[in-house]
Amino acid sequence: MKRTDIVKAFAAAGAMIMLLTNIAGCAAADADASADAVAGESVIAEETEPEPTETTLCEVEQFGYCVEEYPQFYVGSDSWENGVWSDDMAAKPEHPQGSSPSLYWEPVECAACYVIYMVDSQHTGNYPPSNLIHWIVTNYEGTEIIAGEDPAFFLALGPEPGTTRSYTVYVIALKAPVERAKGSTGTMPTNFNNFLLALDTDADGNTGNILAFGYLKGKYTAD
């Protein structure tokens, strides 16, 4: 879906307006929040059913990732079309390092920054799955990333020739910056959910830091 289509989609998405208005007034909500709130606990005024997007939450829910408890916002990309990631992101002779994808999303009320992960979940039939980390962006203050903007820290898509892999981008809206986003590009942690849980504590040790999340899932088939 291209940017012009996204604009039209948001104009009709009443649920997205509900999401943003429910998060609005976060300063007052912070004052009422319990001081002993634990990391990973959802701190939202009321539950809101997210507006469906190109992907559904089923793939997230089966892994039990903590972000599924929070409101969802839309994530789009010019490097993604009809559920397939661009060749530009793969390791090719003309660009062996690949190129990080473009991303854009609707600003989340009260969010100071965003953390982005791109992972290839290795489905081995075991729980939890291992997740090969392809990209981490910490404390990003904008709502759009240009393709190739962060190539030094991007691991190119590289499934075996003739095979297809599934790659998911998670964008997490935060009230305040975190000390760092846990994990390292190129590693395969089995505790990815703990990395997401850690985002709920900001750099000053305050909990209840996660506001909402968005994600975009796509496949890539190697030649």
N, C-alpha and C. Protein backbone atom coordinates (compact mmCIF):
# COMPACT_ATOMS: atom_id res chain seq x y z
N MET A 1 0.86 -1.19 0.00
CA MET A 1 0.00 0.00 0.00
C MET A 1 0.89 1.24 0.00
N LYS A 2 0.67 2.17 -0.94
CA LYS A 2 1.48 3.37 -1.06
C LYS A 2 0.99 4.45 -0.12
N ARG A 3 1.83 5.50 0.00
CA ARG A 3 1.54 6.56 0.95
C ARG A 3 0.19 7.22 0.71
N THR A 4 -0.20 7.43 -0.61
CA THR A 4 -1.49 8.06 -0.88
C THR A 4 -2.64 7.22 -0.39
N ASP A 5 -2.49 5.90 -0.50
CA ASP A 5 -3.54 5.01 0.00
C ASP A 5 -3.61 5.03 1.51
N ILE A 6 -2.45 5.18 2.15
CA ILE A 6 -2.43 5.21 3.61
C ILE A 6 -3.21 6.42 4.13
N VAL A 7 -3.01 7.57 3.45
CA VAL A 7 -3.72 8.78 3.88
C VAL A 7 -5.23 8.56 3.83
N LYS A 8 -5.69 7.94 2.73
CA LYS A 8 -7.12 7.66 2.61
C LYS A 8 -7.58 6.70 3.70
N ALA A 9 -6.75 5.72 3.97
CA ALA A 9 -7.13 4.73 4.99
C ALA A 9 -7.30 5.37 6.34
N PHE A 10 -6.42 6.28 6.70
CA PHE A 10 -6.51 6.92 8.00
C PHE A 10 -7.71 7.86 8.09
N ALA A 11 -8.10 8.44 6.92
CA ALA A 11 -9.26 9.33 6.94
C ALA A 11 -10.52 8.57 7.33
N ALA A 12 -10.56 7.29 6.97
CA ALA A 12 -11.74 6.47 7.26
C ALA A 12 -11.61 5.63 8.51
N ALA A 13 -10.46 5.68 9.14
CA ALA A 13 -10.21 4.76 10.27
C ALA A 13 -10.63 5.39 11.58
N GLY A 14 -11.89 5.22 11.92
CA GLY A 14 -12.38 5.77 13.19
C GLY A 14 -11.69 5.15 14.38
N ALA A 15 -11.32 3.88 14.25
CA ALA A 15 -10.68 3.20 15.37
C ALA A 15 -9.33 3.81 15.66
N MET A 16 -8.63 4.30 14.63
CA MET A 16 -7.34 4.92 14.88
C MET A 16 -7.51 6.21 15.66
N ILE A 17 -8.57 6.96 15.35
CA ILE A 17 -8.84 8.18 16.11
C ILE A 17 -9.10 7.83 17.56
N MET A 18 -9.85 6.75 17.77
CA MET A 18 -10.10 6.30 19.14
C MET A 18 -8.81 5.96 19.85
N LEU A 19 -7.89 5.30 19.14
CA LEU A 19 -6.62 4.91 19.75
C LEU A 19 -5.87 6.13 20.24
N LEU A 20 -5.78 7.15 19.38
CA LEU A 20 -5.01 8.34 19.75
C LEU A 20 -5.68 9.14 20.86
N THR A 21 -7.02 9.22 20.82
CA THR A 21 -7.70 9.99 21.86
C THR A 21 -7.65 9.27 23.19
N ASN A 22 -7.64 7.93 23.16
CA ASN A 22 -7.54 7.18 24.42
C ASN A 22 -6.19 7.37 25.07
N ILE A 23 -5.15 7.52 24.25
CA ILE A 23 -3.81 7.72 24.80
C ILE A 23 -3.60 9.17 25.23
N ALA A 24 -4.39 10.12 24.62
CA ALA A 24 -4.26 11.53 24.96
C ALA A 24 -4.50 11.75 26.45
N GLY A 25 -3.90 12.82 26.95
CA GLY A 25 -4.03 13.10 28.36
C GLY A 25 -3.13 12.23 29.19
N CYS A 26 -1.98 11.83 28.61
CA CYS A 26 -1.11 10.88 29.31
C CYS A 26 -0.50 11.49 30.55
N ALA A 27 -0.37 12.81 30.59
CA ALA A 27 0.21 13.43 31.79
C ALA A 27 -0.67 13.18 33.00
N ALA A 28 -2.00 13.29 32.79
CA ALA A 28 -2.92 13.03 33.90
C ALA A 28 -2.92 11.56 34.27
N ALA A 29 -2.83 10.70 33.26
CA ALA A 29 -2.82 9.26 33.53
C ALA A 29 -1.58 8.88 34.31
N ASP A 30 -0.44 9.51 34.00
CA ASP A 30 0.80 9.22 34.72
C ASP A 30 0.66 9.58 36.18
N ALA A 31 -0.03 10.67 36.47
CA ALA A 31 -0.17 11.11 37.86
C ALA A 31 -1.00 10.12 38.67
N ASP A 32 -1.93 9.43 37.98
CA ASP A 32 -2.79 8.47 38.67
C ASP A 32 -2.23 7.06 38.70
N ALA A 33 -1.19 6.81 37.89
CA ALA A 33 -0.65 5.44 37.80
C ALA A 33 -0.04 5.01 39.11
N SER A 34 -0.15 3.73 39.41
CA SER A 34 0.41 3.19 40.65
C SER A 34 1.91 3.22 40.61
N ALA A 35 2.53 3.59 41.74
CA ALA A 35 3.98 3.69 41.81
C ALA A 35 4.65 2.34 41.74
N ASP A 36 3.91 1.28 42.05
CA ASP A 36 4.53 -0.04 42.03
C ASP A 36 4.16 -0.84 40.79
N ALA A 37 3.82 -0.13 39.70
CA ALA A 37 3.52 -0.82 38.45
C ALA A 37 4.74 -1.58 37.98
N VAL A 38 4.55 -2.79 37.44
CA VAL A 38 5.67 -3.60 37.02
C VAL A 38 5.90 -3.44 35.53
N ALA A 39 7.18 -3.69 35.10
CA ALA A 39 7.52 -3.58 33.69
C ALA A 39 6.71 -4.58 32.89
N GLY A 40 6.18 -4.10 31.74
CA GLY A 40 5.40 -4.97 30.88
C GLY A 40 3.92 -4.88 31.15
N GLU A 41 3.51 -4.19 32.25
CA GLU A 41 2.10 -4.06 32.56
C GLU A 41 1.48 -3.00 31.68
N SER A 42 0.32 -3.25 31.12
CA SER A 42 -0.35 -2.30 30.25
C SER A 42 -0.95 -1.18 31.10
N VAL A 43 -0.61 0.09 30.77
CA VAL A 43 -1.16 1.23 31.49
C VAL A 43 -1.93 2.07 30.49
N ILE A 44 -3.19 1.72 30.24
CA ILE A 44 -4.04 2.45 29.31
C ILE A 44 -5.39 2.66 29.97
N ALA A 45 -6.07 3.73 29.57
CA ALA A 45 -7.31 4.11 30.23
C ALA A 45 -8.40 3.07 29.99
N GLU A 46 -8.50 2.56 28.78
CA GLU A 46 -9.53 1.60 28.47
C GLU A 46 -9.09 0.78 27.27
N GLU A 47 -9.66 -0.41 27.12
CA GLU A 47 -9.29 -1.26 26.02
C GLU A 47 -9.99 -0.80 24.75
N THR A 48 -9.24 -0.83 23.63
CA THR A 48 -9.77 -0.42 22.35
C THR A 48 -9.48 -1.50 21.33
N GLU A 49 -10.47 -1.89 20.55
CA GLU A 49 -10.27 -2.88 19.50
C GLU A 49 -9.54 -2.21 18.35
N PRO A 50 -8.32 -2.70 17.97
CA PRO A 50 -7.57 -2.04 16.91
C PRO A 50 -8.21 -2.23 15.55
N GLU A 51 -8.03 -1.23 14.68
CA GLU A 51 -8.52 -1.33 13.32
C GLU A 51 -7.68 -2.35 12.55
N PRO A 52 -8.29 -3.30 11.83
CA PRO A 52 -7.52 -4.28 11.07
C PRO A 52 -6.64 -3.59 10.02
N THR A 53 -5.45 -4.13 9.79
CA THR A 53 -4.55 -3.64 8.76
C THR A 53 -4.26 -4.80 7.81
N GLU A 54 -3.19 -4.66 7.00
CA GLU A 54 -2.87 -5.73 6.06
C GLU A 54 -2.54 -7.03 6.78
N THR A 55 -2.01 -6.92 7.99
CA THR A 55 -1.67 -8.11 8.76
C THR A 55 -2.60 -8.20 9.96
N THR A 56 -2.69 -9.35 10.56
CA THR A 56 -3.49 -9.53 11.76
C THR A 56 -2.57 -9.81 12.93
N LEU A 57 -3.14 -9.83 14.11
CA LEU A 57 -2.34 -10.04 15.31
C LEU A 57 -2.06 -11.52 15.60
N CYS A 58 -2.62 -12.42 14.79
CA CYS A 58 -2.52 -13.84 15.14
C CYS A 58 -1.07 -14.30 15.24
N GLU A 59 -0.21 -13.85 14.35
CA GLU A 59 1.18 -14.28 14.37
C GLU A 59 1.89 -13.77 15.62
N VAL A 60 1.50 -12.58 16.07
CA VAL A 60 2.10 -12.04 17.28
C VAL A 60 1.58 -12.80 18.49
N GLU A 61 0.28 -13.03 18.54
CA GLU A 61 -0.34 -13.63 19.71
C GLU A 61 0.17 -15.04 19.99
N GLN A 62 0.46 -15.80 18.94
CA GLN A 62 0.87 -17.18 19.17
C GLN A 62 2.22 -17.25 19.86
N PHE A 63 3.02 -16.19 19.79
CA PHE A 63 4.29 -16.15 20.48
C PHE A 63 4.17 -15.54 21.86
N GLY A 64 3.03 -14.90 22.15
CA GLY A 64 2.83 -14.32 23.45
C GLY A 64 3.65 -13.07 23.71
N TYR A 65 4.03 -12.36 22.67
CA TYR A 65 4.82 -11.14 22.86
C TYR A 65 4.00 -10.11 23.63
N CYS A 66 4.62 -9.46 24.60
CA CYS A 66 3.91 -8.58 25.51
C CYS A 66 3.25 -7.40 24.82
N VAL A 67 3.77 -6.96 23.68
CA VAL A 67 3.22 -5.76 23.03
C VAL A 67 1.79 -5.94 22.58
N GLU A 68 1.32 -7.19 22.45
CA GLU A 68 -0.04 -7.41 21.99
C GLU A 68 -1.07 -6.86 22.97
N GLU A 69 -0.66 -6.55 24.21
CA GLU A 69 -1.58 -6.02 25.21
C GLU A 69 -1.88 -4.53 25.00
N TYR A 70 -1.13 -3.89 24.13
CA TYR A 70 -1.24 -2.44 23.96
C TYR A 70 -2.02 -2.08 22.71
N PRO A 71 -2.49 -0.84 22.62
CA PRO A 71 -3.16 -0.38 21.40
C PRO A 71 -2.23 -0.52 20.20
N GLN A 72 -2.81 -0.72 19.03
CA GLN A 72 -2.03 -0.93 17.81
C GLN A 72 -2.19 0.25 16.87
N PHE A 73 -1.10 0.67 16.24
CA PHE A 73 -1.17 1.72 15.22
C PHE A 73 -0.60 1.17 13.91
N TYR A 74 -0.95 1.85 12.83
CA TYR A 74 -0.57 1.38 11.49
C TYR A 74 0.91 1.67 11.19
N VAL A 75 1.56 0.73 10.54
CA VAL A 75 2.92 0.89 10.04
C VAL A 75 2.91 0.57 8.55
N GLY A 76 3.44 1.47 7.73
CA GLY A 76 3.51 1.25 6.29
C GLY A 76 4.94 1.33 5.81
N SER A 77 5.17 0.92 4.57
CA SER A 77 6.52 0.93 4.01
C SER A 77 6.46 0.96 2.49
N ASP A 78 7.34 1.79 1.88
CA ASP A 78 7.50 1.77 0.43
C ASP A 78 8.38 0.60 -0.01
N SER A 79 8.96 -0.10 0.96
CA SER A 79 9.80 -1.27 0.67
C SER A 79 9.01 -2.56 0.78
N TRP A 80 7.71 -2.45 0.92
CA TRP A 80 6.80 -3.60 1.13
C TRP A 80 5.61 -3.44 0.21
N GLU A 81 5.27 -4.51 -0.50
CA GLU A 81 4.11 -4.47 -1.38
C GLU A 81 3.46 -5.84 -1.44
N ASN A 82 2.16 -5.87 -1.14
CA ASN A 82 1.38 -7.11 -1.18
C ASN A 82 2.02 -8.23 -0.36
N GLY A 83 2.54 -7.84 0.81
CA GLY A 83 3.09 -8.84 1.71
C GLY A 83 4.49 -9.31 1.38
N VAL A 84 5.19 -8.61 0.48
CA VAL A 84 6.54 -9.01 0.06
C VAL A 84 7.50 -7.84 0.25
N TRP A 85 8.66 -8.13 0.86
CA TRP A 85 9.69 -7.11 1.03
C TRP A 85 10.48 -6.92 -0.26
N SER A 86 11.03 -5.73 -0.42
CA SER A 86 11.75 -5.36 -1.64
C SER A 86 13.07 -6.10 -1.79
N ASP A 87 13.46 -6.34 -3.04
CA ASP A 87 14.78 -6.91 -3.36
C ASP A 87 15.91 -6.04 -2.85
N ASP A 88 15.65 -4.75 -2.70
CA ASP A 88 16.70 -3.83 -2.24
C ASP A 88 17.19 -4.19 -0.84
N MET A 89 16.38 -4.90 -0.08
CA MET A 89 16.75 -5.25 1.29
C MET A 89 17.60 -6.52 1.37
N ALA A 90 17.69 -7.24 0.26
CA ALA A 90 18.39 -8.53 0.24
C ALA A 90 19.85 -8.36 -0.15
N ALA A 91 20.65 -9.37 0.16
CA ALA A 91 22.05 -9.38 -0.21
C ALA A 91 22.16 -9.77 -1.69
N LYS A 92 22.46 -8.79 -2.52
CA LYS A 92 22.60 -9.00 -3.96
C LYS A 92 23.99 -8.53 -4.39
N PRO A 93 24.50 -9.02 -5.53
CA PRO A 93 25.82 -8.57 -5.98
C PRO A 93 25.92 -7.06 -6.09
N GLU A 94 24.83 -6.41 -6.50
CA GLU A 94 24.86 -4.95 -6.66
C GLU A 94 24.75 -4.21 -5.33
N HIS A 95 24.26 -4.87 -4.29
CA HIS A 95 24.21 -4.27 -2.95
C HIS A 95 24.31 -5.39 -1.92
N PRO A 96 25.51 -5.91 -1.70
CA PRO A 96 25.69 -7.08 -0.82
C PRO A 96 25.28 -6.84 0.62
N GLN A 97 25.27 -5.58 1.06
CA GLN A 97 24.88 -5.28 2.44
C GLN A 97 23.38 -5.11 2.60
N GLY A 98 22.66 -5.07 1.47
CA GLY A 98 21.24 -4.82 1.55
C GLY A 98 20.96 -3.38 1.95
N SER A 99 19.70 -3.04 2.04
CA SER A 99 19.30 -1.68 2.41
C SER A 99 18.15 -1.75 3.40
N SER A 100 18.26 -1.01 4.49
CA SER A 100 17.18 -0.98 5.48
C SER A 100 15.91 -0.44 4.83
N PRO A 101 14.74 -0.89 5.28
CA PRO A 101 13.49 -0.50 4.62
C PRO A 101 13.04 0.91 4.96
N SER A 102 12.21 1.45 4.11
CA SER A 102 11.51 2.68 4.46
C SER A 102 10.37 2.29 5.41
N LEU A 103 10.05 3.19 6.33
CA LEU A 103 8.94 2.98 7.25
C LEU A 103 8.26 4.31 7.50
N TYR A 104 6.95 4.26 7.75
CA TYR A 104 6.23 5.46 8.18
C TYR A 104 5.03 5.02 8.99
N TRP A 105 4.64 5.87 9.92
CA TRP A 105 3.52 5.52 10.80
C TRP A 105 2.90 6.80 11.34
N GLU A 106 1.67 6.69 11.83
CA GLU A 106 0.95 7.82 12.42
C GLU A 106 1.54 8.14 13.79
N PRO A 107 1.80 9.42 14.09
CA PRO A 107 2.34 9.76 15.41
C PRO A 107 1.40 9.29 16.52
N VAL A 108 1.99 8.80 17.59
CA VAL A 108 1.22 8.36 18.76
C VAL A 108 1.25 9.47 19.79
N GLU A 109 0.07 9.86 20.27
CA GLU A 109 -0.05 10.92 21.26
C GLU A 109 0.82 10.62 22.48
N CYS A 110 1.60 11.59 22.90
CA CYS A 110 2.46 11.52 24.09
C CYS A 110 3.72 10.70 23.90
N ALA A 111 3.97 10.18 22.71
CA ALA A 111 5.19 9.41 22.48
C ALA A 111 6.38 10.35 22.28
N ALA A 112 7.43 10.14 23.06
CA ALA A 112 8.65 10.93 22.91
C ALA A 112 9.56 10.33 21.84
N CYS A 113 9.47 9.01 21.64
CA CYS A 113 10.32 8.34 20.67
C CYS A 113 9.80 6.93 20.39
N TYR A 114 10.47 6.25 19.48
CA TYR A 114 10.07 4.91 19.06
C TYR A 114 11.29 4.00 19.00
N VAL A 115 11.08 2.73 19.29
CA VAL A 115 12.11 1.72 19.11
C VAL A 115 11.64 0.76 18.02
N ILE A 116 12.55 0.40 17.13
CA ILE A 116 12.20 -0.45 15.99
C ILE A 116 13.07 -1.70 16.01
N TYR A 117 12.42 -2.85 15.84
CA TYR A 117 13.12 -4.11 15.64
C TYR A 117 12.64 -4.72 14.33
N MET A 118 13.55 -5.33 13.59
CA MET A 118 13.16 -6.18 12.47
C MET A 118 13.75 -7.56 12.72
N VAL A 119 12.88 -8.57 12.74
CA VAL A 119 13.34 -9.92 13.08
C VAL A 119 12.81 -10.94 12.07
N ASP A 120 13.57 -12.02 11.95
CA ASP A 120 13.16 -13.20 11.20
C ASP A 120 12.91 -14.29 12.24
N SER A 121 11.66 -14.58 12.52
CA SER A 121 11.33 -15.59 13.53
C SER A 121 11.57 -16.99 12.97
N GLN A 122 12.45 -17.70 13.64
CA GLN A 122 12.80 -19.05 13.19
C GLN A 122 11.79 -20.04 13.76
N HIS A 123 10.90 -20.54 12.95
CA HIS A 123 9.85 -21.46 13.39
C HIS A 123 10.40 -22.88 13.42
N THR A 124 10.72 -23.35 14.59
CA THR A 124 11.28 -24.70 14.73
C THR A 124 10.29 -25.65 15.39
N GLY A 125 9.08 -25.16 15.71
CA GLY A 125 8.10 -25.99 16.40
C GLY A 125 8.25 -25.90 17.90
N ASN A 126 9.23 -25.17 18.36
CA ASN A 126 9.45 -25.00 19.79
C ASN A 126 9.00 -23.62 20.25
N TYR A 127 8.75 -23.50 21.53
CA TYR A 127 8.37 -22.20 22.10
C TYR A 127 9.37 -21.84 23.19
N PRO A 128 9.92 -20.62 23.22
CA PRO A 128 9.67 -19.59 22.20
C PRO A 128 10.56 -19.80 20.99
N PRO A 129 10.22 -19.16 19.86
CA PRO A 129 11.07 -19.29 18.68
C PRO A 129 12.32 -18.43 18.85
N SER A 130 13.37 -18.75 18.11
CA SER A 130 14.51 -17.85 18.06
C SER A 130 14.21 -16.78 17.01
N ASN A 131 14.76 -15.61 17.20
CA ASN A 131 14.48 -14.49 16.31
C ASN A 131 15.79 -13.89 15.83
N LEU A 132 16.12 -14.09 14.56
CA LEU A 132 17.31 -13.48 14.00
C LEU A 132 17.06 -11.99 13.84
N ILE A 133 17.82 -11.17 14.56
CA ILE A 133 17.62 -9.72 14.52
C ILE A 133 18.33 -9.12 13.32
N HIS A 134 17.57 -8.45 12.46
CA HIS A 134 18.13 -7.81 11.27
C HIS A 134 18.34 -6.31 11.44
N TRP A 135 17.65 -5.72 12.41
CA TRP A 135 17.71 -4.25 12.50
C TRP A 135 17.21 -3.81 13.85
N ILE A 136 17.90 -2.84 14.46
CA ILE A 136 17.45 -2.22 15.70
C ILE A 136 17.66 -0.71 15.57
N VAL A 137 16.61 0.04 15.86
CA VAL A 137 16.70 1.50 15.91
C VAL A 137 16.21 1.93 17.29
N THR A 138 17.04 2.66 18.02
CA THR A 138 16.71 3.04 19.40
C THR A 138 16.37 4.52 19.51
N ASN A 139 15.30 4.82 20.25
CA ASN A 139 14.91 6.19 20.59
C ASN A 139 14.81 7.10 19.36
N TYR A 140 14.12 6.62 18.34
CA TYR A 140 13.93 7.39 17.11
C TYR A 140 12.80 8.38 17.33
N GLU A 141 13.04 9.65 17.04
CA GLU A 141 12.07 10.70 17.37
C GLU A 141 11.11 11.05 16.24
N GLY A 142 11.38 10.59 15.04
CA GLY A 142 10.50 10.89 13.92
C GLY A 142 9.43 9.83 13.72
N THR A 143 8.69 9.96 12.62
CA THR A 143 7.66 8.97 12.28
C THR A 143 7.85 8.47 10.85
N GLU A 144 9.04 8.67 10.30
CA GLU A 144 9.34 8.18 8.95
C GLU A 144 10.83 7.92 8.84
N ILE A 145 11.19 6.81 8.25
CA ILE A 145 12.58 6.47 7.99
C ILE A 145 12.73 6.19 6.50
N ILE A 146 13.67 6.85 5.87
CA ILE A 146 13.92 6.67 4.45
C ILE A 146 14.68 5.38 4.22
N ALA A 147 14.37 4.68 3.15
CA ALA A 147 15.07 3.43 2.83
C ALA A 147 16.57 3.66 2.77
N GLY A 148 17.32 2.79 3.44
CA GLY A 148 18.77 2.90 3.44
C GLY A 148 19.34 3.93 4.38
N GLU A 149 18.48 4.53 5.22
CA GLU A 149 18.94 5.60 6.10
C GLU A 149 19.91 5.09 7.16
N ASP A 150 19.79 3.81 7.52
CA ASP A 150 20.63 3.26 8.59
C ASP A 150 21.30 1.96 8.13
N PRO A 151 22.02 2.00 6.99
CA PRO A 151 22.56 0.76 6.42
C PRO A 151 23.65 0.11 7.26
N ALA A 152 24.38 0.90 8.06
CA ALA A 152 25.51 0.36 8.82
C ALA A 152 25.07 -0.66 9.86
N PHE A 153 23.81 -0.59 10.28
CA PHE A 153 23.32 -1.47 11.34
C PHE A 153 22.22 -2.41 10.85
N PHE A 154 22.13 -2.59 9.53
CA PHE A 154 21.10 -3.44 8.95
C PHE A 154 21.72 -4.72 8.42
N LEU A 155 21.14 -5.87 8.79
CA LEU A 155 21.58 -7.16 8.28
C LEU A 155 20.70 -7.53 7.10
N ALA A 156 21.30 -7.66 5.92
CA ALA A 156 20.54 -7.93 4.70
C ALA A 156 19.73 -9.20 4.80
N LEU A 157 18.58 -9.22 4.13
CA LEU A 157 17.77 -10.43 4.06
C LEU A 157 18.55 -11.46 3.24
N GLY A 158 18.67 -12.67 3.76
CA GLY A 158 19.51 -13.64 3.07
C GLY A 158 19.09 -15.07 3.26
N PRO A 159 17.86 -15.42 2.91
CA PRO A 159 17.48 -16.83 3.00
C PRO A 159 18.25 -17.66 1.96
N GLU A 160 18.27 -18.96 2.17
CA GLU A 160 18.93 -19.84 1.21
C GLU A 160 18.24 -19.74 -0.15
N PRO A 161 19.00 -19.86 -1.25
CA PRO A 161 18.39 -19.78 -2.59
C PRO A 161 17.21 -20.73 -2.73
N GLY A 162 16.11 -20.18 -3.25
CA GLY A 162 14.91 -20.97 -3.46
C GLY A 162 14.02 -21.11 -2.25
N THR A 163 14.41 -20.49 -1.14
CA THR A 163 13.59 -20.57 0.09
C THR A 163 12.96 -19.23 0.40
N THR A 164 11.90 -19.28 1.21
CA THR A 164 11.17 -18.09 1.60
C THR A 164 11.23 -17.94 3.11
N ARG A 165 11.50 -16.72 3.57
CA ARG A 165 11.51 -16.42 5.00
C ARG A 165 10.50 -15.31 5.26
N SER A 166 10.08 -15.22 6.52
CA SER A 166 9.13 -14.18 6.94
C SER A 166 9.85 -13.20 7.87
N TYR A 167 9.74 -11.93 7.57
CA TYR A 167 10.42 -10.89 8.33
C TYR A 167 9.39 -9.89 8.87
N THR A 168 9.50 -9.56 10.15
CA THR A 168 8.54 -8.67 10.79
C THR A 168 9.23 -7.46 11.39
N VAL A 169 8.66 -6.29 11.15
CA VAL A 169 9.12 -5.05 11.77
C VAL A 169 8.17 -4.69 12.90
N TYR A 170 8.70 -4.41 14.07
CA TYR A 170 7.93 -3.93 15.21
C TYR A 170 8.34 -2.50 15.51
N VAL A 171 7.36 -1.61 15.64
CA VAL A 171 7.62 -0.22 16.03
C VAL A 171 6.90 0.00 17.36
N ILE A 172 7.66 0.35 18.41
CA ILE A 172 7.11 0.49 19.75
C ILE A 172 7.15 1.96 20.15
N ALA A 173 5.99 2.54 20.46
CA ALA A 173 5.89 3.93 20.89
C ALA A 173 6.16 4.03 22.39
N LEU A 174 7.08 4.93 22.78
CA LEU A 174 7.49 5.06 24.17
C LEU A 174 7.23 6.46 24.71
N LYS A 175 6.89 6.54 25.99
CA LYS A 175 6.71 7.84 26.65
C LYS A 175 8.03 8.58 26.77
N ALA A 176 9.10 7.86 27.03
CA ALA A 176 10.41 8.47 27.25
C ALA A 176 11.49 7.55 26.68
N PRO A 177 12.67 8.09 26.37
CA PRO A 177 13.74 7.24 25.84
C PRO A 177 14.17 6.16 26.81
N VAL A 178 14.68 5.08 26.26
CA VAL A 178 15.26 4.00 27.06
C VAL A 178 16.77 4.12 27.00
N GLU A 179 17.43 3.47 27.94
CA GLU A 179 18.89 3.51 27.94
C GLU A 179 19.44 2.88 26.66
N ARG A 180 18.85 1.77 26.27
CA ARG A 180 19.18 1.14 24.99
C ARG A 180 18.11 0.10 24.68
N ALA A 181 18.00 -0.25 23.41
CA ALA A 181 17.14 -1.37 23.03
C ALA A 181 18.00 -2.62 23.09
N LYS A 182 17.57 -3.60 23.84
CA LYS A 182 18.39 -4.79 24.06
C LYS A 182 18.52 -5.62 22.79
N GLY A 183 19.60 -6.41 22.75
CA GLY A 183 19.85 -7.27 21.61
C GLY A 183 20.89 -6.68 20.69
N SER A 184 21.34 -7.49 19.75
CA SER A 184 22.34 -7.06 18.77
C SER A 184 21.98 -7.60 17.40
N THR A 185 22.20 -6.79 16.38
CA THR A 185 21.96 -7.21 15.02
C THR A 185 22.81 -8.43 14.69
N GLY A 186 22.19 -9.43 14.08
CA GLY A 186 22.91 -10.63 13.71
C GLY A 186 22.84 -11.74 14.72
N THR A 187 22.23 -11.49 15.89
CA THR A 187 22.09 -12.53 16.90
C THR A 187 20.72 -13.20 16.79
N MET A 188 20.58 -14.36 17.44
CA MET A 188 19.33 -15.13 17.38
C MET A 188 18.84 -15.42 18.79
N PRO A 189 18.30 -14.43 19.50
CA PRO A 189 17.83 -14.65 20.87
C PRO A 189 16.52 -15.44 20.91
N THR A 190 16.36 -16.24 21.96
CA THR A 190 15.09 -16.92 22.18
C THR A 190 14.23 -16.14 23.18
N ASN A 191 14.81 -15.07 23.75
CA ASN A 191 14.09 -14.27 24.76
C ASN A 191 13.73 -12.90 24.21
N PHE A 192 13.29 -12.85 22.96
CA PHE A 192 12.94 -11.58 22.33
C PHE A 192 11.85 -10.85 23.10
N ASN A 193 10.91 -11.60 23.67
CA ASN A 193 9.84 -10.97 24.45
C ASN A 193 10.42 -10.16 25.61
N ASN A 194 11.51 -10.63 26.20
CA ASN A 194 12.13 -9.89 27.29
C ASN A 194 12.73 -8.58 26.81
N PHE A 195 13.20 -8.55 25.57
CA PHE A 195 13.71 -7.30 25.01
C PHE A 195 12.57 -6.28 24.91
N LEU A 196 11.39 -6.76 24.50
CA LEU A 196 10.23 -5.87 24.41
C LEU A 196 9.78 -5.43 25.80
N LEU A 197 9.76 -6.35 26.75
CA LEU A 197 9.38 -6.00 28.12
C LEU A 197 10.30 -4.93 28.70
N ALA A 198 11.58 -5.00 28.37
CA ALA A 198 12.54 -4.04 28.90
C ALA A 198 12.24 -2.61 28.46
N LEU A 199 11.56 -2.44 27.33
CA LEU A 199 11.22 -1.11 26.84
C LEU A 199 10.21 -0.41 27.73
N ASP A 200 9.54 -1.16 28.60
CA ASP A 200 8.54 -0.57 29.48
C ASP A 200 9.17 0.18 30.66
N THR A 201 10.48 0.15 30.76
CA THR A 201 11.21 0.91 31.78
C THR A 201 12.12 1.90 31.08
N ASP A 202 11.93 3.20 31.36
CA ASP A 202 12.72 4.20 30.65
C ASP A 202 14.12 4.34 31.26
N ALA A 203 14.91 5.25 30.69
CA ALA A 203 16.30 5.40 31.11
C ALA A 203 16.44 5.86 32.55
N ASP A 204 15.39 6.46 33.12
CA ASP A 204 15.41 6.92 34.51
C ASP A 204 14.83 5.90 35.47
N GLY A 205 14.44 4.74 34.95
CA GLY A 205 13.90 3.69 35.81
C GLY A 205 12.41 3.73 36.02
N ASN A 206 11.71 4.62 35.32
CA ASN A 206 10.25 4.71 35.44
C ASN A 206 9.59 3.63 34.59
N THR A 207 8.58 2.97 35.14
CA THR A 207 7.88 1.93 34.40
C THR A 207 6.62 2.48 33.74
N GLY A 208 5.93 1.62 32.98
CA GLY A 208 4.75 2.08 32.24
C GLY A 208 5.14 2.91 31.04
N ASN A 209 6.26 2.57 30.39
CA ASN A 209 6.83 3.40 29.33
C ASN A 209 6.26 3.09 27.95
N ILE A 210 5.74 1.89 27.74
CA ILE A 210 5.19 1.52 26.43
C ILE A 210 3.79 2.10 26.27
N LEU A 211 3.55 2.80 25.17
CA LEU A 211 2.24 3.38 24.88
C LEU A 211 1.43 2.54 23.90
N ALA A 212 2.06 2.11 22.83
CA ALA A 212 1.36 1.41 21.76
C ALA A 212 2.40 0.76 20.86
N PHE A 213 1.94 -0.04 19.91
CA PHE A 213 2.87 -0.67 18.98
C PHE A 213 2.22 -0.81 17.61
N GLY A 214 3.07 -0.96 16.61
CA GLY A 214 2.62 -1.29 15.27
C GLY A 214 3.59 -2.30 14.69
N TYR A 215 3.13 -3.04 13.71
CA TYR A 215 4.06 -3.98 13.07
C TYR A 215 3.66 -4.22 11.63
N LEU A 216 4.64 -4.68 10.86
CA LEU A 216 4.42 -4.98 9.45
C LEU A 216 5.20 -6.25 9.12
N LYS A 217 4.49 -7.23 8.60
CA LYS A 217 5.09 -8.52 8.31
C LYS A 217 5.09 -8.77 6.81
N GLY A 218 6.20 -9.29 6.32
CA GLY A 218 6.28 -9.63 4.90
C GLY A 218 7.22 -10.78 4.65
N LYS A 219 7.15 -11.33 3.47
CA LYS A 219 8.01 -12.46 3.10
C LYS A 219 9.03 -12.03 2.07
N TYR A 220 10.06 -12.84 1.97
CA TYR A 220 11.05 -12.64 0.90
C TYR A 220 11.54 -14.00 0.44
N THR A 221 11.58 -14.20 -0.87
CA THR A 221 12.04 -15.45 -1.47
C THR A 221 13.34 -15.20 -2.22
N ALA A 222 14.37 -15.96 -1.89
CA ALA A 222 15.65 -15.81 -2.55
C ALA A 222 15.63 -16.51 -3.91
N ASP A 223 16.33 -15.95 -4.86
CA ASP A 223 16.41 -16.53 -6.21
C ASP A 223 17.18 -17.85 -6.18
